[in-house]
């Protein structure tokens, strides 16, 4: 299994992971602050067979 956390605003990286077969498995709402705004982290995983 491979895990990849990403900022929810990183649309380009999210598209790449989804094209590679990763799926979103968790959301950490408000995981960090950027410029005073709470940002989410999305966790993606892919099971390697």
N, C-alpha and C. Protein backbone atom coordinates (compact mmCIF):
# COMPACT_ATOMS: atom_id res chain seq x y z
N UNK A 1 0.86 -1.17 0.00
CA UNK A 1 0.00 0.00 0.00
C UNK A 1 0.90 1.23 0.00
N UNK A 2 0.52 2.22 -0.77
CA UNK A 2 1.25 3.48 -0.84
C UNK A 2 0.29 4.60 -0.43
N UNK A 3 0.72 5.46 0.48
CA UNK A 3 -0.10 6.58 0.95
C UNK A 3 0.51 7.89 0.49
N UNK A 4 -0.34 8.84 0.10
CA UNK A 4 0.10 10.17 -0.31
C UNK A 4 -0.84 11.23 0.25
N UNK A 5 -0.38 12.05 1.18
CA UNK A 5 -1.20 13.19 1.62
C UNK A 5 -0.98 14.39 0.70
N UNK A 6 -2.06 15.12 0.42
CA UNK A 6 -1.99 16.31 -0.44
C UNK A 6 -2.85 17.42 0.12
N UNK A 7 -2.45 18.63 -0.18
CA UNK A 7 -3.32 19.77 0.11
C UNK A 7 -4.51 19.70 -0.84
N UNK A 8 -5.70 19.94 -0.32
CA UNK A 8 -6.91 19.84 -1.13
C UNK A 8 -6.92 20.84 -2.28
N UNK A 9 -6.13 21.90 -2.18
CA UNK A 9 -6.12 22.91 -3.25
C UNK A 9 -5.15 22.55 -4.39
N UNK A 10 -4.42 21.48 -4.27
CA UNK A 10 -3.43 21.08 -5.27
C UNK A 10 -4.09 20.22 -6.36
N UNK A 11 -4.88 20.86 -7.19
CA UNK A 11 -5.70 20.16 -8.19
C UNK A 11 -4.87 19.36 -9.19
N UNK A 12 -3.73 19.88 -9.62
CA UNK A 12 -2.92 19.18 -10.61
C UNK A 12 -2.40 17.85 -10.05
N UNK A 13 -1.89 17.85 -8.84
CA UNK A 13 -1.38 16.62 -8.23
C UNK A 13 -2.50 15.63 -7.97
N UNK A 14 -3.66 16.12 -7.59
CA UNK A 14 -4.81 15.25 -7.35
C UNK A 14 -5.20 14.54 -8.65
N UNK A 15 -5.24 15.27 -9.76
CA UNK A 15 -5.57 14.65 -11.06
C UNK A 15 -4.55 13.56 -11.43
N UNK A 16 -3.28 13.83 -11.19
CA UNK A 16 -2.25 12.84 -11.51
C UNK A 16 -2.43 11.58 -10.68
N UNK A 17 -2.62 11.74 -9.37
CA UNK A 17 -2.80 10.57 -8.51
C UNK A 17 -4.02 9.76 -8.94
N UNK A 18 -5.11 10.43 -9.25
CA UNK A 18 -6.33 9.71 -9.66
C UNK A 18 -6.11 8.97 -10.98
N UNK A 19 -5.37 9.58 -11.91
CA UNK A 19 -5.07 8.90 -13.18
C UNK A 19 -4.18 7.68 -12.95
N UNK A 20 -3.36 7.72 -11.91
CA UNK A 20 -2.48 6.60 -11.59
C UNK A 20 -3.17 5.52 -10.75
N UNK A 21 -4.46 5.71 -10.46
CA UNK A 21 -5.21 4.68 -9.76
C UNK A 21 -5.29 4.86 -8.25
N UNK A 22 -4.83 5.99 -7.73
CA UNK A 22 -4.98 6.25 -6.30
C UNK A 22 -6.42 6.65 -6.01
N UNK A 23 -6.87 6.40 -4.79
CA UNK A 23 -8.21 6.83 -4.40
C UNK A 23 -8.14 7.57 -3.07
N UNK A 24 -9.01 8.57 -2.93
CA UNK A 24 -9.02 9.36 -1.70
C UNK A 24 -9.63 8.52 -0.58
N UNK A 25 -8.94 8.46 0.53
CA UNK A 25 -9.39 7.62 1.63
C UNK A 25 -9.71 8.40 2.90
N UNK A 26 -9.22 9.63 3.01
CA UNK A 26 -9.48 10.40 4.23
C UNK A 26 -9.34 11.88 3.94
N UNK A 27 -10.01 12.67 4.75
CA UNK A 27 -9.90 14.13 4.69
C UNK A 27 -9.61 14.62 6.10
N UNK A 28 -8.55 15.41 6.23
CA UNK A 28 -8.23 16.04 7.51
C UNK A 28 -8.57 17.53 7.38
N UNK A 29 -9.78 17.86 7.79
CA UNK A 29 -10.28 19.23 7.65
C UNK A 29 -9.49 20.17 8.56
N UNK A 30 -9.09 21.30 8.01
CA UNK A 30 -8.39 22.31 8.80
C UNK A 30 -7.06 21.83 9.35
N UNK A 31 -6.35 21.00 8.60
CA UNK A 31 -5.10 20.39 9.09
C UNK A 31 -3.98 21.40 9.29
N UNK A 32 -4.00 22.50 8.54
CA UNK A 32 -2.96 23.52 8.72
C UNK A 32 -3.49 24.88 8.29
N UNK A 33 -2.77 25.91 8.64
CA UNK A 33 -3.16 27.27 8.27
C UNK A 33 -2.20 27.80 7.21
N UNK A 34 -2.74 28.45 6.20
CA UNK A 34 -1.94 29.13 5.19
C UNK A 34 -2.53 30.52 5.04
N UNK A 35 -1.72 31.52 5.32
CA UNK A 35 -2.15 32.91 5.25
C UNK A 35 -3.41 33.14 6.09
N UNK A 36 -3.48 32.48 7.26
CA UNK A 36 -4.60 32.66 8.16
C UNK A 36 -5.85 31.87 7.80
N UNK A 37 -5.79 31.07 6.75
CA UNK A 37 -6.96 30.30 6.32
C UNK A 37 -6.71 28.81 6.57
N UNK A 38 -7.69 28.13 7.15
CA UNK A 38 -7.58 26.69 7.41
C UNK A 38 -7.63 25.93 6.09
N UNK A 39 -6.69 25.02 5.91
CA UNK A 39 -6.60 24.23 4.68
C UNK A 39 -6.77 22.75 5.02
N UNK A 40 -7.36 22.00 4.09
CA UNK A 40 -7.59 20.57 4.28
C UNK A 40 -6.46 19.75 3.67
N UNK A 41 -6.24 18.58 4.23
CA UNK A 41 -5.32 17.59 3.66
C UNK A 41 -6.16 16.39 3.23
N UNK A 42 -5.95 15.94 2.02
CA UNK A 42 -6.62 14.74 1.53
C UNK A 42 -5.59 13.62 1.47
N UNK A 43 -5.94 12.45 1.96
CA UNK A 43 -5.05 11.30 1.91
C UNK A 43 -5.50 10.37 0.78
N UNK A 44 -4.55 9.98 -0.03
CA UNK A 44 -4.79 9.05 -1.14
C UNK A 44 -4.01 7.79 -0.91
N UNK A 45 -4.56 6.67 -1.33
CA UNK A 45 -3.84 5.41 -1.22
C UNK A 45 -4.01 4.57 -2.48
N UNK A 46 -3.04 3.70 -2.67
CA UNK A 46 -3.10 2.73 -3.76
C UNK A 46 -2.55 1.43 -3.23
N UNK A 47 -3.32 0.38 -3.38
CA UNK A 47 -2.88 -0.94 -2.95
C UNK A 47 -2.07 -1.56 -4.07
N UNK A 48 -0.85 -1.93 -3.77
CA UNK A 48 0.02 -2.54 -4.75
C UNK A 48 -0.10 -4.05 -4.67
N UNK A 49 -0.44 -4.65 -5.77
CA UNK A 49 -0.65 -6.11 -5.76
C UNK A 49 0.58 -6.86 -6.20
